[in-house]
Amino acid sequence: MAGKFLAEFELYVTLAIARLGDEAYGAAVRQEIESRTGRSVSIGALYTTMARLEEKGLLLTQPGSAEAGRRGRPRKYCQLTPAGEEAMRHSLEMLERMAEGLRVAGTPGA
């Protein structure tokens, strides 16, 4: 069962990568999370989480080619492995089960 459950921020990262598809790299993942959650994300926390997901076999990273006119290192693109997609799906299902029928004051339908 290890690796089947994702922590909250790991889930955000996997969801952002899934949304971005072939355009998933560090800065884009960070921007996606920040724009959708309103939560500030440090690049260090993001890269630490991405490294942990890669160690768990849930994420693959690959350096992109150098881009003309762009300074710095080439972007490091990432994609979920089949195990990463399954862990994300499983975590979402668990959240849905936990929230099913729950009424919280101030939320739609409450």
PDB file of N, CA and C in Angstrom:
ATOM      1  N   MET A   1       0.804  -1.216   0.000  1.00  0.00           N
ATOM      2  CA  MET A   1       0.000   0.000   0.000  1.00  0.00           C
ATOM      3  C   MET A   1       0.837   1.266   0.000  1.00  0.00           C
ATOM      4  N   ALA A   2       2.120   1.153   0.336  1.00  0.00           N
ATOM      5  CA  ALA A   2       2.970   2.335   0.350  1.00  0.00           C
ATOM      6  C   ALA A   2       2.983   2.977  -1.025  1.00  0.00           C
ATOM      7  N   GLY A   3       2.926   4.304  -1.066  1.00  0.00           N
ATOM      8  CA  GLY A   3       2.925   5.019  -2.333  1.00  0.00           C
ATOM      9  C   GLY A   3       1.549   5.194  -2.934  1.00  0.00           C
ATOM     10  N   LYS A   4       0.551   4.531  -2.345  1.00  0.00           N
ATOM     11  CA  LYS A   4      -0.797   4.631  -2.897  1.00  0.00           C
ATOM     12  C   LYS A   4      -1.521   5.874  -2.385  1.00  0.00           C
ATOM     13  N   PHE A   5      -1.070   6.398  -1.263  1.00  0.00           N
ATOM     14  CA  PHE A   5      -1.695   7.574  -0.676  1.00  0.00           C
ATOM     15  C   PHE A   5      -0.776   8.771  -0.839  1.00  0.00           C
ATOM     16  N   LEU A   6      -1.354   9.882  -1.243  1.00  0.00           N
ATOM     17  CA  LEU A   6      -0.595  11.111  -1.437  1.00  0.00           C
ATOM     18  C   LEU A   6      -0.932  12.118  -0.351  1.00  0.00           C
ATOM     19  N   ALA A   7       0.078  12.846   0.090  1.00  0.00           N
ATOM     20  CA  ALA A   7      -0.143  13.970   0.998  1.00  0.00           C
ATOM     21  C   ALA A   7      -0.830  15.085   0.204  1.00  0.00           C
ATOM     22  N   GLU A   8      -1.386  16.060   0.900  1.00  0.00           N
ATOM     23  CA  GLU A   8      -2.140  17.129   0.244  1.00  0.00           C
ATOM     24  C   GLU A   8      -1.328  17.822  -0.853  1.00  0.00           C
ATOM     25  N   PHE A   9      -0.112  18.248  -0.535  1.00  0.00           N
ATOM     26  CA  PHE A   9       0.674  18.981  -1.526  1.00  0.00           C
ATOM     27  C   PHE A   9       1.102  18.067  -2.667  1.00  0.00           C
ATOM     28  N   GLU A  10       1.380  16.797  -2.377  1.00  0.00           N
ATOM     29  CA  GLU A  10       1.695  15.835  -3.438  1.00  0.00           C
ATOM     30  C   GLU A  10       0.513  15.708  -4.402  1.00  0.00           C
ATOM     31  N   LEU A  11      -0.683  15.708  -3.857  1.00  0.00           N
ATOM     32  CA  LEU A  11      -1.875  15.636  -4.700  1.00  0.00           C
ATOM     33  C   LEU A  11      -1.988  16.880  -5.569  1.00  0.00           C
ATOM     34  N   TYR A  12      -1.739  18.055  -5.011  1.00  0.00           N
ATOM     35  CA  TYR A  12      -1.761  19.286  -5.809  1.00  0.00           C
ATOM     36  C   TYR A  12      -0.763  19.197  -6.962  1.00  0.00           C
ATOM     37  N   VAL A  13       0.432  18.713  -6.654  1.00  0.00           N
ATOM     38  CA  VAL A  13       1.482  18.621  -7.672  1.00  0.00           C
ATOM     39  C   VAL A  13       1.073  17.641  -8.770  1.00  0.00           C
ATOM     40  N   THR A  14       0.570  16.479  -8.407  1.00  0.00           N
ATOM     41  CA  THR A  14       0.177  15.495  -9.420  1.00  0.00           C
ATOM     42  C   THR A  14      -0.989  16.012 -10.264  1.00  0.00           C
ATOM     43  N   LEU A  15      -1.937  16.694  -9.632  1.00  0.00           N
ATOM     44  CA  LEU A  15      -3.059  17.257 -10.386  1.00  0.00           C
ATOM     45  C   LEU A  15      -2.581  18.329 -11.368  1.00  0.00           C
ATOM     46  N   ALA A  16      -1.662  19.177 -10.924  1.00  0.00           N
ATOM     47  CA  ALA A  16      -1.130  20.221 -11.806  1.00  0.00           C
ATOM     48  C   ALA A  16      -0.393  19.594 -12.987  1.00  0.00           C
ATOM     49  N   ILE A  17       0.393  18.560 -12.737  1.00  0.00           N
ATOM     50  CA  ILE A  17       1.132  17.888 -13.810  1.00  0.00           C
ATOM     51  C   ILE A  17       0.150  17.255 -14.791  1.00  0.00           C
ATOM     52  N   ALA A  18      -0.881  16.616 -14.274  1.00  0.00           N
ATOM     53  CA  ALA A  18      -1.887  16.002 -15.143  1.00  0.00           C
ATOM     54  C   ALA A  18      -2.577  17.065 -15.996  1.00  0.00           C
ATOM     55  N   ARG A  19      -2.902  18.219 -15.417  1.00  0.00           N
ATOM     56  CA  ARG A  19      -3.560  19.297 -16.164  1.00  0.00           C
ATOM     57  C   ARG A  19      -2.662  19.872 -17.249  1.00  0.00           C
ATOM     58  N   LEU A  20      -1.377  20.008 -16.937  1.00  0.00           N
ATOM     59  CA  LEU A  20      -0.449  20.649 -17.864  1.00  0.00           C
ATOM     60  C   LEU A  20       0.023  19.725 -18.986  1.00  0.00           C
ATOM     61  N   GLY A  21      -0.063  18.440 -18.785  1.00  0.00           N
ATOM     62  CA  GLY A  21       0.350  17.490 -19.823  1.00  0.00           C
ATOM     63  C   GLY A  21       1.798  17.670 -20.234  1.00  0.00           C
ATOM     64  N   ASP A  22       2.031  17.800 -21.539  1.00  0.00           N
ATOM     65  CA  ASP A  22       3.391  17.923 -22.072  1.00  0.00           C
ATOM     66  C   ASP A  22       4.080  19.225 -21.676  1.00  0.00           C
ATOM     67  N   GLU A  23       3.343  20.174 -21.155  1.00  0.00           N
ATOM     68  CA  GLU A  23       3.912  21.470 -20.753  1.00  0.00           C
ATOM     69  C   GLU A  23       4.217  21.525 -19.259  1.00  0.00           C
ATOM     70  N   ALA A  24       4.287  20.374 -18.593  1.00  0.00           N
ATOM     71  CA  ALA A  24       4.520  20.339 -17.148  1.00  0.00           C
ATOM     72  C   ALA A  24       6.017  20.433 -16.847  1.00  0.00           C
ATOM     73  N   TYR A  25       6.412  21.541 -16.271  1.00  0.00           N
ATOM     74  CA  TYR A  25       7.772  21.736 -15.755  1.00  0.00           C
ATOM     75  C   TYR A  25       7.632  22.604 -14.511  1.00  0.00           C
ATOM     76  N   GLY A  26       8.680  22.676 -13.708  1.00  0.00           N
ATOM     77  CA  GLY A  26       8.615  23.307 -12.394  1.00  0.00           C
ATOM     78  C   GLY A  26       7.838  24.603 -12.293  1.00  0.00           C
ATOM     79  N   ALA A  27       8.242  25.620 -13.040  1.00  0.00           N
ATOM     80  CA  ALA A  27       7.598  26.934 -12.923  1.00  0.00           C
ATOM     81  C   ALA A  27       6.129  26.879 -13.337  1.00  0.00           C
ATOM     82  N   ALA A  28       5.809  26.096 -14.371  1.00  0.00           N
ATOM     83  CA  ALA A  28       4.414  25.988 -14.819  1.00  0.00           C
ATOM     84  C   ALA A  28       3.569  25.263 -13.777  1.00  0.00           C
ATOM     85  N   VAL A  29       4.135  24.221 -13.152  1.00  0.00           N
ATOM     86  CA  VAL A  29       3.422  23.485 -12.105  1.00  0.00           C
ATOM     87  C   VAL A  29       3.156  24.425 -10.934  1.00  0.00           C
ATOM     88  N   ARG A  30       4.157  25.176 -10.549  1.00  0.00           N
ATOM     89  CA  ARG A  30       4.015  26.141  -9.452  1.00  0.00           C
ATOM     90  C   ARG A  30       2.906  27.148  -9.750  1.00  0.00           C
ATOM     91  N   GLN A  31       2.917  27.700 -10.947  1.00  0.00           N
ATOM     92  CA  GLN A  31       1.912  28.697 -11.340  1.00  0.00           C
ATOM     93  C   GLN A  31       0.508  28.078 -11.350  1.00  0.00           C
ATOM     94  N   GLU A  32       0.393  26.860 -11.828  1.00  0.00           N
ATOM     95  CA  GLU A  32      -0.908  26.175 -11.873  1.00  0.00           C
ATOM     96  C   GLU A  32      -1.469  25.996 -10.460  1.00  0.00           C
ATOM     97  N   ILE A  33      -0.629  25.557  -9.540  1.00  0.00           N
ATOM     98  CA  ILE A  33      -1.076  25.354  -8.157  1.00  0.00           C
ATOM     99  C   ILE A  33      -1.475  26.690  -7.534  1.00  0.00           C
ATOM    100  N   GLU A  34      -0.635  27.698  -7.706  1.00  0.00           N
ATOM    101  CA  GLU A  34      -0.926  29.007  -7.115  1.00  0.00           C
ATOM    102  C   GLU A  34      -2.205  29.608  -7.678  1.00  0.00           C
ATOM    103  N   SER A  35      -2.411  29.506  -8.982  1.00  0.00           N
ATOM    104  CA  SER A  35      -3.590  30.129  -9.583  1.00  0.00           C
ATOM    105  C   SER A  35      -4.878  29.401  -9.192  1.00  0.00           C
ATOM    106  N   ARG A  36      -4.811  28.099  -8.993  1.00  0.00           N
ATOM    107  CA  ARG A  36      -6.020  27.339  -8.662  1.00  0.00           C
ATOM    108  C   ARG A  36      -6.328  27.291  -7.174  1.00  0.00           C
ATOM    109  N   THR A  37      -5.291  27.392  -6.334  1.00  0.00           N
ATOM    110  CA  THR A  37      -5.522  27.275  -4.888  1.00  0.00           C
ATOM    111  C   THR A  37      -5.416  28.605  -4.156  1.00  0.00           C
ATOM    112  N   GLY A  38      -4.750  29.589  -4.768  1.00  0.00           N
ATOM    113  CA  GLY A  38      -4.505  30.847  -4.070  1.00  0.00           C
ATOM    114  C   GLY A  38      -3.418  30.703  -3.023  1.00  0.00           C
ATOM    115  N   ARG A  39      -2.762  29.573  -3.041  1.00  0.00           N
ATOM    116  CA  ARG A  39      -1.713  29.253  -2.073  1.00  0.00           C
ATOM    117  C   ARG A  39      -0.353  29.566  -2.685  1.00  0.00           C
ATOM    118  N   SER A  40       0.502  30.280  -1.938  1.00  0.00           N
ATOM    119  CA  SER A  40       1.851  30.579  -2.392  1.00  0.00           C
ATOM    120  C   SER A  40       2.693  29.307  -2.293  1.00  0.00           C
ATOM    121  N   VAL A  41       3.476  29.028  -3.325  1.00  0.00           N
ATOM    122  CA  VAL A  41       4.282  27.814  -3.369  1.00  0.00           C
ATOM    123  C   VAL A  41       5.744  28.192  -3.557  1.00  0.00           C
ATOM    124  N   SER A  42       6.592  27.757  -2.640  1.00  0.00           N
ATOM    125  CA  SER A  42       8.023  28.016  -2.814  1.00  0.00           C
ATOM    126  C   SER A  42       8.570  27.000  -3.809  1.00  0.00           C
ATOM    127  N   ILE A  43       9.481  27.465  -4.644  1.00  0.00           N
ATOM    128  CA  ILE A  43      10.050  26.584  -5.657  1.00  0.00           C
ATOM    129  C   ILE A  43      10.820  25.444  -4.998  1.00  0.00           C
ATOM    130  N   GLY A  44      11.422  25.709  -3.828  1.00  0.00           N
ATOM    131  CA  GLY A  44      12.139  24.665  -3.099  1.00  0.00           C
ATOM    132  C   GLY A  44      11.213  23.550  -2.640  1.00  0.00           C
ATOM    133  N   ALA A  45      10.058  23.926  -2.097  1.00  0.00           N
ATOM    134  CA  ALA A  45       9.080  22.923  -1.652  1.00  0.00           C
ATOM    135  C   ALA A  45       8.574  22.116  -2.844  1.00  0.00           C
ATOM    136  N   LEU A  46       8.374  22.794  -3.964  1.00  0.00           N
ATOM    137  CA  LEU A  46       7.897  22.105  -5.155  1.00  0.00           C
ATOM    138  C   LEU A  46       8.916  21.081  -5.639  1.00  0.00           C
ATOM    139  N   TYR A  47      10.177  21.497  -5.785  1.00  0.00           N
ATOM    140  CA  TYR A  47      11.193  20.575  -6.289  1.00  0.00           C
ATOM    141  C   TYR A  47      11.474  19.447  -5.308  1.00  0.00           C
ATOM    142  N   THR A  48      11.382  19.700  -4.015  1.00  0.00           N
ATOM    143  CA  THR A  48      11.542  18.634  -3.020  1.00  0.00           C
ATOM    144  C   THR A  48      10.423  17.610  -3.175  1.00  0.00           C
ATOM    145  N   THR A  49       9.209  18.095  -3.350  1.00  0.00           N
ATOM    146  CA  THR A  49       8.058  17.204  -3.522  1.00  0.00           C
ATOM    147  C   THR A  49       8.171  16.422  -4.827  1.00  0.00           C
ATOM    148  N   MET A  50       8.584  17.084  -5.897  1.00  0.00           N
ATOM    149  CA  MET A  50       8.751  16.392  -7.165  1.00  0.00           C
ATOM    150  C   MET A  50       9.824  15.307  -7.065  1.00  0.00           C
ATOM    151  N   ALA A  51      10.910  15.588  -6.358  1.00  0.00           N
ATOM    152  CA  ALA A  51      11.972  14.586  -6.177  1.00  0.00           C
ATOM    153  C   ALA A  51      11.443  13.395  -5.381  1.00  0.00           C
ATOM    154  N   ARG A  52      10.651  13.662  -4.353  1.00  0.00           N
ATOM    155  CA  ARG A  52      10.068  12.587  -3.546  1.00  0.00           C
ATOM    156  C   ARG A  52       9.115  11.730  -4.388  1.00  0.00           C
ATOM    157  N   LEU A  53       8.298  12.370  -5.213  1.00  0.00           N
ATOM    158  CA  LEU A  53       7.390  11.625  -6.085  1.00  0.00           C
ATOM    159  C   LEU A  53       8.177  10.779  -7.085  1.00  0.00           C
ATOM    160  N   GLU A  54       9.286  11.307  -7.550  1.00  0.00           N
ATOM    161  CA  GLU A  54      10.122  10.544  -8.479  1.00  0.00           C
ATOM    162  C   GLU A  54      10.751   9.339  -7.770  1.00  0.00           C
ATOM    163  N   GLU A  55      11.218   9.538  -6.540  1.00  0.00           N
ATOM    164  CA  GLU A  55      11.784   8.436  -5.756  1.00  0.00           C
ATOM    165  C   GLU A  55      10.754   7.335  -5.508  1.00  0.00           C
ATOM    166  N   LYS A  56       9.500   7.719  -5.343  1.00  0.00           N
ATOM    167  CA  LYS A  56       8.417   6.756  -5.120  1.00  0.00           C
ATOM    168  C   LYS A  56       7.993   6.057  -6.404  1.00  0.00           C
ATOM    169  N   GLY A  57       8.534   6.489  -7.545  1.00  0.00           N
ATOM    170  CA  GLY A  57       8.172   5.902  -8.828  1.00  0.00           C
ATOM    171  C   GLY A  57       6.866   6.429  -9.391  1.00  0.00           C
ATOM    172  N   LEU A  58       6.433   7.609  -8.924  1.00  0.00           N
ATOM    173  CA  LEU A  58       5.164   8.180  -9.349  1.00  0.00           C
ATOM    174  C   LEU A  58       5.321   9.262 -10.415  1.00  0.00           C
ATOM    175  N   LEU A  59       6.568   9.670 -10.637  1.00  0.00           N
ATOM    176  CA  LEU A  59       6.852  10.794 -11.523  1.00  0.00           C
ATOM    177  C   LEU A  59       8.150  10.529 -12.275  1.00  0.00           C
ATOM    178  N   LEU A  60       8.186  10.920 -13.533  1.00  0.00           N
ATOM    179  CA  LEU A  60       9.413  10.874 -14.329  1.00  0.00           C
ATOM    180  C   LEU A  60       9.759  12.296 -14.725  1.00  0.00           C
ATOM    181  N   THR A  61      11.051  12.624 -14.675  1.00  0.00           N
ATOM    182  CA  THR A  61      11.491  13.939 -15.138  1.00  0.00           C
ATOM    183  C   THR A  61      12.496  13.756 -16.265  1.00  0.00           C
ATOM    184  N   GLN A  62      12.534  14.751 -17.134  1.00  0.00           N
ATOM    185  CA  GLN A  62      13.414  14.689 -18.300  1.00  0.00           C
ATOM    186  C   GLN A  62      13.769  16.113 -18.691  1.00  0.00           C
ATOM    187  N   PRO A  63      15.064  16.393 -18.850  1.00  0.00           N
ATOM    188  CA  PRO A  63      15.428  17.754 -19.260  1.00  0.00           C
ATOM    189  C   PRO A  63      14.984  18.031 -20.688  1.00  0.00           C
ATOM    190  N   GLY A  64      14.483  19.233 -20.891  1.00  0.00           N
ATOM    191  CA  GLY A  64      14.105  19.653 -22.233  1.00  0.00           C
ATOM    192  C   GLY A  64      15.324  20.156 -22.974  1.00  0.00           C
ATOM    193  N   SER A  65      15.173  20.423 -24.235  1.00  0.00           N
ATOM    194  CA  SER A  65      16.289  20.954 -25.018  1.00  0.00           C
ATOM    195  C   SER A  65      16.445  22.444 -24.733  1.00  0.00           C
ATOM    196  N   ALA A  66      17.650  22.940 -24.920  1.00  0.00           N
ATOM    197  CA  ALA A  66      17.914  24.366 -24.706  1.00  0.00           C
ATOM    198  C   ALA A  66      17.096  25.178 -25.702  1.00  0.00           C
ATOM    199  N   GLU A  67      16.538  26.275 -25.224  1.00  0.00           N
ATOM    200  CA  GLU A  67      15.711  27.129 -26.078  1.00  0.00           C
ATOM    201  C   GLU A  67      16.492  28.378 -26.454  1.00  0.00           C
ATOM    202  N   ALA A  68      16.426  28.748 -27.707  1.00  0.00           N
ATOM    203  CA  ALA A  68      17.129  29.930 -28.192  1.00  0.00           C
ATOM    204  C   ALA A  68      16.650  31.171 -27.442  1.00  0.00           C
ATOM    205  N   GLY A  69      17.593  31.958 -26.974  1.00  0.00           N
ATOM    206  CA  GLY A  69      17.259  33.201 -26.296  1.00  0.00           C
ATOM    207  C   GLY A  69      16.863  33.040 -24.838  1.00  0.00           C
ATOM    208  N   ARG A  70      16.790  31.812 -24.356  1.00  0.00           N
ATOM    209  CA  ARG A  70      16.413  31.581 -22.953  1.00  0.00           C
ATOM    210  C   ARG A  70      17.670  31.316 -22.145  1.00  0.00           C
ATOM    211  N   ARG A  71      17.821  32.040 -21.046  1.00  0.00           N
ATOM    212  CA  ARG A  71      18.994  31.880 -20.182  1.00  0.00           C
ATOM    213  C   ARG A  71      18.765  30.773 -19.162  1.00  0.00           C
ATOM    214  N   GLY A  72      19.833  30.347 -18.532  1.00  0.00           N
ATOM    215  CA  GLY A  72      19.737  29.367 -17.460  1.00  0.00           C
ATOM    216  C   GLY A  72      19.685  27.943 -17.979  1.00  0.00           C
ATOM    217  N   ARG A  73      19.432  27.047 -17.061  1.00  0.00           N
ATOM    218  CA  ARG A  73      19.372  25.628 -17.412  1.00  0.00           C
ATOM    219  C   ARG A  73      18.118  25.329 -18.227  1.00  0.00           C
ATOM    220  N   PRO A  74      18.185  24.270 -19.023  1.00  0.00           N
ATOM    221  CA  PRO A  74      16.972  23.869 -19.753  1.00  0.00           C
ATOM    222  C   PRO A  74      15.878  23.452 -18.767  1.00  0.00           C
ATOM    223  N   ARG A  75      14.646  23.604 -19.174  1.00  0.00           N
ATOM    224  CA  ARG A  75      13.518  23.199 -18.335  1.00  0.00           C
ATOM    225  C   ARG A  75      13.581  21.699 -18.084  1.00  0.00           C
ATOM    226  N   LYS A  76      13.094  21.303 -16.920  1.00  0.00           N
ATOM    227  CA  LYS A  76      13.023  19.894 -16.567  1.00  0.00           C
ATOM    228  C   LYS A  76      11.543  19.496 -16.608  1.00  0.00           C
ATOM    229  N   TYR A  77      11.155  18.805 -17.663  1.00  0.00           N
ATOM    230  CA  TYR A  77       9.765  18.423 -17.849  1.00  0.00           C
ATOM    231  C   TYR A  77       9.447  17.170 -17.041  1.00  0.00           C
ATOM    232  N   CYS A  78       8.194  17.039 -16.650  1.00  0.00           N
ATOM    233  CA  CYS A  78       7.806  15.887 -15.838  1.00  0.00           C
ATOM    234  C   CYS A  78       6.487  15.309 -16.324  1.00  0.00           C
ATOM    235  N   GLN A  79       6.309  14.039 -16.015  1.00  0.00           N
ATOM    236  CA  GLN A  79       5.058  13.362 -16.332  1.00  0.00           C
ATOM    237  C   GLN A  79       4.804  12.305 -15.273  1.00  0.00           C
ATOM    238  N   LEU A  80       3.537  12.029 -15.055  1.00  0.00           N
ATOM    239  CA  LEU A  80       3.168  10.997 -14.095  1.00  0.00           C
ATOM    240  C   LEU A  80       3.398   9.629 -14.713  1.00  0.00           C
ATOM    241  N   THR A  81       3.849   8.691 -13.900  1.00  0.00           N
ATOM    242  CA  THR A  81       3.942   7.301 -14.332  1.00  0.00           C
ATOM    243  C   THR A  81       2.547   6.694 -14.174  1.00  0.00           C
ATOM    244  N   PRO A  82       2.311   5.508 -14.703  1.00  0.00           N
ATOM    245  CA  PRO A  82       1.025   4.853 -14.452  1.00  0.00           C
ATOM    246  C   PRO A  82       0.742   4.715 -12.951  1.00  0.00           C
ATOM    247  N   ALA A  83       1.764   4.425 -12.156  1.00  0.00           N
ATOM    248  CA  ALA A  83       1.573   4.342 -10.701  1.00  0.00           C
ATOM    249  C   ALA A  83       1.218   5.706 -10.120  1.00  0.00           C
ATOM    250  N   GLY A  84       1.782   6.779 -10.678  1.00  0.00           N
ATOM    251  CA  GLY A  84       1.459   8.128 -10.234  1.00  0.00           C
ATOM    252  C   GLY A  84       0.029   8.508 -10.561  1.00  0.00           C
ATOM    253  N   GLU A  85      -0.415   8.131 -11.751  1.00  0.00           N
ATOM    254  CA  GLU A  85      -1.805   8.387 -12.134  1.00  0.00           C
ATOM    255  C   GLU A  85      -2.758   7.618 -11.225  1.00  0.00           C
ATOM    256  N   GLU A  86      -2.406   6.391 -10.904  1.00  0.00           N
ATOM    257  CA  GLU A  86      -3.246   5.575 -10.026  1.00  0.00           C
ATOM    258  C   GLU A  86      -3.285   6.160  -8.612  1.00  0.00           C
ATOM    259  N   ALA A  87      -2.140   6.594  -8.087  1.00  0.00           N
ATOM    260  CA  ALA A  87      -2.098   7.200  -6.752  1.00  0.00           C
ATOM    261  C   ALA A  87      -2.938   8.472  -6.712  1.00  0.00           C
ATOM    262  N   MET A  88      -2.869   9.279  -7.768  1.00  0.00           N
ATOM    263  CA  MET A  88      -3.675  10.501  -7.842  1.00  0.00           C
ATOM    264  C   MET A  88      -5.153  10.154  -7.869  1.00  0.00           C
ATOM    265  N   ARG A  89      -5.519   9.205  -8.710  1.00  0.00           N
ATOM    266  CA  ARG A  89      -6.922   8.775  -8.806  1.00  0.00           C
ATOM    267  C   ARG A  89      -7.419   8.236  -7.458  1.00  0.00           C
ATOM    268  N   HIS A  90      -6.594   7.413  -6.835  1.00  0.00           N
ATOM    269  CA  HIS A  90      -6.972   6.823  -5.553  1.00  0.00           C
ATOM    270  C   HIS A  90      -7.182   7.915  -4.492  1.00  0.00           C
ATOM    271  N   SER A  91      -6.276   8.869  -4.427  1.00  0.00           N
ATOM    272  CA  SER A  91      -6.398   9.951  -3.453  1.00  0.00           C
ATOM    273  C   SER A  91      -7.648  10.778  -3.692  1.00  0.00           C
ATOM    274  N   LEU A  92      -7.961  11.058  -4.949  1.00  0.00           N
ATOM    275  CA  LEU A  92      -9.181  11.802  -5.266  1.00  0.00           C
ATOM    276  C   LEU A  92     -10.426  11.014  -4.858  1.00  0.00           C
ATOM    277  N   GLU A  93     -10.427   9.714  -5.105  1.00  0.00           N
ATOM    278  CA  GLU A  93     -11.561   8.879  -4.708  1.00  0.00           C
ATOM    279  C   GLU A  93     -11.742   8.888  -3.193  1.00  0.00           C
ATOM    280  N   MET A  94     -10.643   8.820  -2.456  1.00  0.00           N
ATOM    281  CA  MET A  94     -10.732   8.839  -0.989  1.00  0.00           C
ATOM    282  C   MET A  94     -11.292  10.175  -0.501  1.00  0.00           C
ATOM    283  N   LEU A  95     -10.861  11.288  -1.115  1.00  0.00           N
ATOM    284  CA  LEU A  95     -11.397  12.599  -0.741  1.00  0.00           C
ATOM    285  C   LEU A  95     -12.895  12.668  -1.014  1.00  0.00           C
ATOM    286  N   GLU A  96     -13.309  12.158  -2.168  1.00  0.00           N
ATOM    287  CA  GLU A  96     -14.732  12.173  -2.510  1.00  0.00           C
ATOM    288  C   GLU A  96     -15.532  11.335  -1.517  1.00  0.00           C
ATOM    289  N   ARG A  97     -15.001  10.182  -1.135  1.00  0.00           N
ATOM    290  CA  ARG A  97     -15.701   9.332  -0.166  1.00  0.00           C
ATOM    291  C   ARG A  97     -15.819  10.023   1.192  1.00  0.00           C
ATOM    292  N   MET A  98     -14.731  10.662   1.608  1.00  0.00           N
ATOM    293  CA  MET A  98     -14.747  11.349   2.899  1.00  0.00           C
ATOM    294  C   MET A  98     -15.720  12.524   2.889  1.00  0.00           C
ATOM    295  N   ALA A  99     -15.838  13.207   1.776  1.00  0.00           N
ATOM    296  CA  ALA A  99     -16.684  14.402   1.698  1.00  0.00           C
ATOM    297  C   ALA A  99     -18.138  14.077   1.368  1.00  0.00           C
ATOM    298  N   GLU A 100     -18.400  12.867   0.907  1.00  0.00           N
ATOM    299  CA  GLU A 100     -19.750  12.496   0.488  1.00  0.00           C
ATOM    300  C   GLU A 100     -20.761  12.718   1.613  1.00  0.00           C
ATOM    301  N   GLY A 101     -21.775  13.510   1.310  1.00  0.00           N
ATOM    302  CA  GLY A 101     -22.844  13.772   2.261  1.00  0.00           C
ATOM    303  C   GLY A 101     -22.498  14.750   3.370  1.00  0.00           C
ATOM    304  N   LEU A 102     -21.281  15.237   3.365  1.00  0.00           N
ATOM    305  CA  LEU A 102     -20.838  16.185   4.395  1.00  0.00           C
ATOM    306  C   LEU A 102     -21.385  17.559   4.105  1.00  0.00           C
ATOM    307  N   ARG A 103     -21.923  18.180   5.129  1.00  0.00           N
ATOM    308  CA  ARG A 103     -22.445  19.536   5.002  1.00  0.00           C
ATOM    309  C   ARG A 103     -21.598  20.439   5.878  1.00  0.00           C
ATOM    310  N   VAL A 104     -20.928  21.381   5.244  1.00  0.00           N
ATOM    311  CA  VAL A 104     -20.073  22.315   5.962  1.00  0.00           C
ATOM    312  C   VAL A 104     -20.648  23.705   5.791  1.00  0.00           C
ATOM    313  N   ALA A 105     -20.860  24.385   6.895  1.00  0.00           N
ATOM    314  CA  ALA A 105     -21.436  25.733   6.839  1.00  0.00           C
ATOM    315  C   ALA A 105     -20.599  26.632   5.933  1.00  0.00           C
ATOM    316  N   GLY A 106     -21.280  27.388   5.092  1.00  0.00           N
ATOM    317  CA  GLY A 106     -20.606  28.339   4.218  1.00  0.00           C
ATOM    318  C   GLY A 106     -20.216  27.770   2.876  1.00  0.00           C
ATOM    319  N   THR A 107     -20.490  26.484   2.619  1.00  0.00           N
ATOM    320  CA  THR A 107     -20.178  25.906   1.315  1.00  0.00           C
ATOM    321  C   THR A 107     -21.459  25.693   0.536  1.00  0.00           C
ATOM    322  N   PRO A 108     -21.358  25.674  -0.777  1.00  0.00           N
ATOM    323  CA  PRO A 108     -22.570  25.455  -1.592  1.00  0.00           C
ATOM    324  C   PRO A 108     -23.274  24.164  -1.208  1.00  0.00           C
ATOM    325  N   GLY A 109     -24.567  24.215  -1.092  1.00  0.00           N
ATOM    326  CA  GLY A 109     -25.364  23.034  -0.762  1.00  0.00           C
ATOM    327  C   GLY A 109     -25.503  22.780   0.722  1.00  0.00           C
ATOM    328  N   ALA A 110     -24.851  23.577   1.544  1.00  0.00           N
ATOM    329  CA  ALA A 110     -24.917  23.385   3.004  1.00  0.00           C
ATOM    330  C   ALA A 110     -26.096  24.107   3.594  1.00  0.00           C
TER     331      ALA A 110
END
